[in-house]
């Protein structure tokens, strides 16, 4: 037996059931949180993740810069020796050269 409009009624029934389920879920979340849902809570979560992301980027950039300084130290040492040799017109010997960004720019 065919009923015209039965598909529409079924679709309306499904939408109503989904809407009721969402309302029940929202009420249970409100009960668990101890009251009404506060719209501003979402903003704090965004700022929290933004702060964590910025902190991670700063840490990664610091580590990368430190690695670059470690690899550039022999090149810098050669240039310093060349510059001092030219300045004092003599032979220059240097035991070591340490470059660091973690404790400020130190040479």
Foldseek 3Di string as FASTA:
>chain_A
DDDPCPVVVVVVVVVVVVVVVVVVVLVVVQVVVPHHDDPCPVVVVVVVVVVVVVVVVVVVVQVVVQVVQVVCQVVVVVVVQVVVCVVVVHHDDDDGDDAHPVVHTDD
